[in-house]
Amino acid sequence: MASGLVASSKLWFVEERKEFVQFLSHTEGSWAELDKQLTLALELGYWRPSDAHGGEATIAELKKMIASLRGKLAARLATNHSPLAR
C-alpha cells in the first residue's frame, strides 16, 4: 500500500511539473503578444521612445528568465530527475 502511494505521488509530481513547463511555454507566447502590442504602440505614438527602452529591456530580461526556467525543468523531466533536485 505504501509503495503504491509513493509511486502515485511521484507520478503526480511529474505530471504537475509537465503542466508547469507547458504553462511557461504559454507565458512565452504571451510575452511575444505583449512585445508586438508595445511595438505597435510605439509606432503609433502611444508610447514614448524614452519609455520604450526600459520596457523593452525588462521584457527581454523576463523572456530570458522564463526560457531558462522552462528549459531547465524540461531537461530534468526528460532525464527523470526531480525538477527540484540540484
Foldseek 3Di string as FASTA:
>chain_A
DVVVVVVVVLVVQLVVLVVVLVVLVVVLVVLVVVVVVVVVCPVVVVDDPVRVVVVVVVSVVVSVVSVVLSVQSVVCSVVVHRSPDD
